[in-house]
Protein backbone atom coordinates (compact mmCIF):
# COMPACT_ATOMS: atom_id res chain seq x y z
CA MET A 1 41.73 76.17 67.54
CA SER A 2 43.99 73.18 67.04
CA ALA A 3 46.97 73.63 64.73
CA GLN A 4 46.70 70.01 63.54
CA ARG A 5 45.09 69.76 60.13
CA VAL A 6 41.89 67.72 60.01
CA ALA A 7 40.49 65.55 57.21
CA LEU A 8 37.08 63.93 56.78
CA VAL A 9 37.01 60.91 54.46
CA THR A 10 33.74 59.30 53.39
CA GLY A 11 33.32 55.66 52.36
CA CYS A 12 35.83 54.07 54.76
CA GLY A 13 33.92 50.98 55.88
CA LYS A 14 35.39 48.37 53.53
CA PRO A 15 38.52 46.41 54.44
CA ASP A 16 40.08 46.64 50.99
CA GLY A 17 38.62 49.93 49.77
CA MET A 18 40.22 53.19 48.76
CA GLY A 19 38.70 54.99 51.75
CA GLN A 20 40.70 53.12 54.36
CA ALA A 21 43.91 53.60 52.37
CA ILE A 22 43.25 57.33 52.04
CA ALA A 23 42.53 57.67 55.75
CA ARG A 24 45.66 55.77 56.77
CA THR A 25 47.85 57.80 54.41
CA LEU A 26 46.53 61.15 55.61
CA ALA A 27 46.91 60.07 59.23
CA ALA A 28 50.50 58.98 58.57
CA GLN A 29 51.18 62.49 57.29
CA GLY A 30 50.03 63.97 60.57
CA LEU A 31 46.40 64.85 59.91
CA ALA A 32 43.63 64.03 62.34
CA VAL A 33 41.18 61.92 60.35
CA VAL A 34 37.43 61.44 60.68
CA VAL A 35 36.36 58.28 58.83
CA THR A 36 32.75 57.75 57.81
CA ASP A 37 30.43 55.30 56.11
CA LEU A 38 26.73 54.48 55.96
CA HIS A 39 27.30 51.37 58.08
CA ALA A 40 30.24 50.52 60.31
CA THR A 41 31.48 47.91 57.83
CA GLY A 42 30.40 49.71 54.69
CA VAL A 43 27.74 48.78 52.17
CA PRO A 44 28.68 45.25 51.03
CA ASN A 45 29.28 44.22 47.46
CA ARG A 46 28.68 40.60 46.49
CA GLN A 47 32.40 39.80 46.42
CA GLN A 48 33.09 41.49 49.76
CA GLU A 49 31.41 39.01 52.09
CA ASP A 50 34.42 36.75 52.70
CA ARG A 51 36.78 39.71 53.05
CA SER A 52 34.61 41.31 55.74
CA ALA A 53 34.21 38.28 57.98
CA ASP A 54 36.88 39.42 60.46
CA TRP A 55 36.76 43.14 59.69
CA GLY A 56 35.73 45.57 62.41
CA GLY A 57 34.79 48.37 60.06
CA VAL A 58 35.43 52.05 60.70
CA GLU A 59 36.10 51.43 64.39
CA ALA A 60 38.86 48.96 63.49
CA LEU A 61 40.28 51.57 61.12
CA VAL A 62 40.25 54.18 63.89
CA ALA A 63 41.90 51.72 66.27
CA GLY A 64 44.58 50.88 63.73
CA ILE A 65 45.39 54.53 63.12
CA THR A 66 45.58 55.39 66.81
CA ALA A 67 47.67 52.30 67.54
CA THR A 68 50.37 53.66 65.23
CA GLY A 69 50.35 57.08 66.86
CA GLY A 70 47.78 58.78 64.65
CA THR A 71 44.62 60.66 65.53
CA ALA A 72 41.25 59.45 64.26
CA ALA A 73 37.54 59.33 64.99
CA SER A 74 34.51 57.88 63.23
CA ALA A 75 31.05 59.04 62.22
CA LEU A 76 28.22 57.14 60.53
CA GLY A 77 25.70 58.58 58.13
CA ASP A 78 24.29 58.67 54.61
CA VAL A 79 26.10 61.20 52.43
CA ALA A 80 22.95 61.48 50.31
CA VAL A 81 20.90 62.79 53.27
CA GLU A 82 21.40 66.48 54.01
CA ALA A 83 20.95 66.17 57.77
CA ASP A 84 23.52 63.35 57.91
CA ALA A 85 26.03 65.31 55.85
CA GLN A 86 25.65 68.36 58.08
CA ARG A 87 25.95 66.24 61.22
CA MET A 88 29.09 64.38 60.13
CA VAL A 89 30.87 67.64 59.34
CA ALA A 90 29.65 69.16 62.61
CA GLU A 91 30.95 66.15 64.55
CA ALA A 92 34.37 66.51 62.94
CA VAL A 93 34.55 70.20 63.80
CA GLU A 94 33.26 69.64 67.32
CA ARG A 95 35.84 66.92 67.92
CA PHE A 96 38.88 68.60 66.38
CA GLY A 97 38.02 72.29 66.09
CA ARG A 98 38.46 72.68 62.34
CA LEU A 99 38.18 70.96 58.95
CA ASP A 100 40.91 71.33 56.34
CA VAL A 101 40.36 68.43 53.95
CA LEU A 102 37.21 66.76 52.65
CA VAL A 103 37.59 63.58 50.59
CA ASN A 104 34.34 62.57 48.91
CA ASN A 105 35.07 58.88 48.36
CA ALA A 106 31.75 57.18 49.20
CA ALA A 107 30.11 55.43 46.24
CA ALA A 108 26.94 53.44 45.68
CA PRO A 109 27.53 49.66 45.62
CA GLN A 110 27.67 48.05 42.22
CA GLY A 111 24.97 45.61 41.21
CA PRO A 112 21.70 46.17 39.37
CA ASP A 113 22.97 49.45 37.91
CA ARG A 114 25.41 47.52 35.70
CA ALA A 115 22.90 46.50 33.04
CA ASP A 116 21.31 47.54 29.78
CA VAL A 117 19.56 50.91 29.95
CA ALA A 118 16.18 49.25 29.37
CA ASP A 119 16.68 46.94 32.36
CA ILE A 120 17.75 49.40 35.07
CA PRO A 121 14.93 50.36 37.46
CA VAL A 122 14.61 54.10 37.97
CA GLU A 123 15.07 53.72 41.72
CA VAL A 124 18.47 52.11 41.06
CA PHE A 125 19.46 55.05 38.86
CA ASP A 126 18.27 57.48 41.52
CA ARG A 127 20.29 55.83 44.29
CA VAL A 128 23.51 55.82 42.27
CA ILE A 129 23.08 59.51 41.47
CA ALA A 130 22.13 60.25 45.08
CA VAL A 131 25.25 58.70 46.60
CA ASN A 132 27.80 59.42 43.88
CA LEU A 133 26.78 62.98 42.96
CA ARG A 134 24.31 64.37 45.49
CA GLY A 135 26.59 63.05 48.26
CA PRO A 136 29.67 65.09 47.27
CA TRP A 137 27.43 68.12 46.78
CA LEU A 138 25.89 67.81 50.25
CA MET A 139 29.17 67.05 51.99
CA SER A 140 30.85 70.00 50.27
CA SER A 141 27.92 72.25 51.11
CA ALA A 142 28.33 71.32 54.77
CA ALA A 143 32.12 71.72 54.79
CA VAL A 144 32.46 74.95 52.81
CA PRO A 145 31.29 77.38 55.55
CA VAL A 146 33.96 75.98 57.87
CA MET A 147 36.66 76.21 55.21
CA ARG A 148 35.59 79.70 54.17
CA ALA A 149 35.90 80.88 57.77
CA GLN A 150 39.44 79.45 57.79
CA ARG A 151 40.10 80.92 54.32
CA SER A 152 41.65 77.63 53.29
CA GLY A 153 40.62 74.10 52.46
CA ARG A 154 41.03 71.13 50.17
CA ILE A 155 38.17 69.15 48.62
CA VAL A 156 39.12 65.99 46.73
CA ASN A 157 36.34 64.18 44.90
CA ILE A 158 36.80 60.59 43.77
CA SER A 159 35.37 60.38 40.27
CA SER A 160 36.37 57.64 37.81
CA MET A 161 37.77 57.07 34.35
CA ALA A 162 34.14 56.19 33.56
CA GLY A 163 33.36 59.84 34.25
CA LEU A 164 35.86 60.91 31.60
CA THR A 165 35.27 58.27 28.94
CA ALA A 166 32.17 56.29 30.07
CA ALA A 167 31.96 52.51 30.25
CA PRO A 168 29.55 49.99 28.74
CA PHE A 169 26.50 48.94 30.75
CA SER A 170 27.18 51.57 33.40
CA GLY A 171 24.88 54.44 32.47
CA PRO A 172 24.02 55.57 36.02
CA TYR A 173 27.59 55.18 37.24
CA SER A 174 29.20 56.92 34.26
CA ALA A 175 26.66 59.75 34.46
CA SER A 176 27.22 60.20 38.19
CA LYS A 177 30.99 60.29 37.87
CA ALA A 178 30.85 62.72 34.93
CA GLY A 179 28.64 64.87 37.12
CA VAL A 180 31.28 64.80 39.85
CA ILE A 181 33.78 66.24 37.39
CA GLY A 182 31.38 69.04 36.46
CA LEU A 183 30.69 69.74 40.12
CA THR A 184 34.43 69.81 40.82
CA ARG A 185 35.09 72.42 38.14
CA ALA A 186 32.19 74.61 39.20
CA LEU A 187 33.12 74.54 42.89
CA ALA A 188 36.75 75.27 42.06
CA MET A 189 35.69 78.54 40.42
CA ASP A 190 33.32 79.43 43.26
CA LEU A 191 35.66 78.64 46.15
CA GLY A 192 39.09 79.61 44.88
CA PRO A 193 38.90 83.18 46.25
CA TRP A 194 38.68 81.72 49.78
CA GLY A 195 41.81 79.61 49.34
CA ILE A 196 39.81 76.41 48.82
CA THR A 197 40.89 74.06 46.05
CA VAL A 198 38.62 71.42 44.54
CA ASN A 199 39.94 68.57 42.41
CA ALA A 200 38.74 65.19 41.18
CA LEU A 201 40.71 61.99 40.83
CA CYS A 202 39.66 59.54 38.13
CA PRO A 203 40.87 56.05 39.03
CA GLY A 204 40.99 53.33 36.44
CA LEU A 205 40.82 49.69 37.47
CA VAL A 206 41.75 49.36 41.16
CA GLY A 207 42.23 45.97 42.82
CA THR A 208 39.43 46.12 45.40
CA SER A 209 36.36 43.92 45.82
CA ARG A 210 34.57 46.11 43.25
CA ALA A 211 36.96 44.85 40.57
CA PHE A 212 35.49 41.34 40.71
CA LEU A 213 31.76 42.01 40.67
CA SER A 214 31.31 40.76 37.12
CA SER A 215 33.19 37.55 37.91
CA GLY A 216 32.02 34.32 39.49
CA PRO A 217 32.49 33.62 43.20
CA ASP A 218 35.34 31.18 42.49
CA VAL A 219 37.39 33.58 40.39
CA ASP A 220 41.17 33.50 40.77
CA GLU A 221 41.54 37.14 41.74
CA ALA A 222 45.32 37.32 41.39
CA ALA A 223 45.24 35.78 37.91
CA LEU A 224 42.41 38.05 36.81
CA LEU A 225 44.19 41.19 38.00
CA ALA A 226 47.43 40.07 36.37
CA SER A 227 45.62 39.50 33.08
CA ARG A 228 43.97 42.90 33.18
CA GLY A 229 47.23 44.52 34.15
CA ARG A 230 48.79 43.33 30.90
CA ASN A 231 46.66 45.90 29.07
CA ILE A 232 47.87 48.78 31.24
CA PRO A 233 51.17 50.47 30.28
CA VAL A 234 52.68 50.28 33.78
CA GLY A 235 51.91 46.55 33.80
CA ARG A 236 49.49 46.25 36.71
CA VAL A 237 46.13 47.40 37.99
CA GLY A 238 45.93 50.19 40.51
CA LEU A 239 46.17 49.80 44.26
CA PRO A 240 44.21 51.72 46.88
CA ASP A 241 47.55 53.17 48.00
CA ASP A 242 48.05 54.66 44.53
CA ILE A 243 44.85 56.64 44.92
CA ALA A 244 45.70 57.54 48.51
CA ALA A 245 49.06 59.00 47.49
CA ALA A 246 47.40 61.25 44.93
CA VAL A 247 44.80 62.38 47.47
CA ALA A 248 47.54 63.16 49.97
CA PHE A 249 49.31 65.40 47.49
CA LEU A 250 46.17 67.28 46.48
CA ALA A 251 45.32 67.69 50.17
CA SER A 252 48.72 69.12 50.98
CA PRO A 253 49.62 72.81 51.35
CA GLY A 254 51.93 72.41 48.36
CA ALA A 255 48.99 71.77 46.01
CA GLY A 256 47.43 75.19 46.51
CA TYR A 257 47.78 76.20 42.85
CA ILE A 258 46.06 73.10 41.48
CA THR A 259 42.28 73.31 41.29
CA GLY A 260 39.40 72.39 39.02
CA GLN A 261 41.24 69.39 37.61
CA ALA A 262 40.05 65.87 36.76
CA ILE A 263 43.20 63.78 37.02
CA PRO A 264 43.39 60.24 35.59
CA ILE A 265 45.01 57.71 37.93
CA ASP A 266 45.01 54.71 35.63
CA GLY A 267 48.59 53.71 34.89
CA GLY A 268 48.23 55.11 31.38
CA GLY A 269 45.36 52.73 30.68
CA MET A 270 43.25 55.26 28.78
CA SER A 271 45.46 54.74 25.73
CA PRO A 272 43.33 53.15 22.96
CA PHE A 273 46.26 51.42 21.30
CA PRO A 274 47.39 47.82 21.89
CA LEU A 275 50.54 47.50 23.92
CA ARG A 276 53.84 45.99 22.84
CA HIS A 277 55.41 43.97 25.64
CA PRO A 278 59.15 43.30 25.90
CA GLU A 279 60.25 39.88 24.75
CA PRO A 280 61.41 37.63 27.64
CA ALA A 281 64.74 37.06 25.91
CA ALA A 282 65.31 40.79 25.57
CA GLU A 283 64.54 41.31 29.24
CA ALA A 284 67.02 38.61 30.21
CA ALA A 285 69.72 40.17 28.02
CA VAL A 286 69.27 43.58 29.62
CA SER A 287 69.38 42.17 33.13
């Protein structure tokens, strides 16, 4: 069996998404990475079309990782389908001989689920729950026997601040991400005796194509993110690399005593109080 640690990361098909950042970061730390998505270029959001025009999807991600000396492979499948989940894990193990890290990052695309409860079709609700909650369950179910045999493993689930606090007009999404937190805590108790940790990260606003779905097609993205960042204590919105760094730590051998946690990654943005910003004159005086 190979001594190189192996990670499988779902939801890597988008050019600006958290999945590709997570995969690149883990690969840079020496892990072999299997990147997956439903389609080679991900499931598009409305604002993603222009960004994806010259994007080669998961194969481009694999090529980029290998070009910098890393080890990577790809697999396509629907995390909400049991046979696909089992196959993607099996392909990772067949290719690299083991599986040490599972990152459940895939999420249903935003759209008709962001509406009033009376206006959301039940099939839309079902799909969000299927991808966002059933998906991590099925992927974990497929990965756990491998990790148990190794008596070690790391599962990192990408939840959301909406799973901790909810968000308006996002009933299916908030429910699915709250479910991920519950699943994380339950699996942490079940799997700890085998040396497997299970944690959830709860990102706040992250500057990907998903951040602009409620805006018009001609939105000034930089100005919008800067405006929203003013309400976050660290002064900016999150970056995919911020999430990737947290995943990398939780996936590391040094995080073996952290499990069952739902960790906000939001720049302190969950504070309900208005922020006081330094006066420009005061900043100039200090500098």
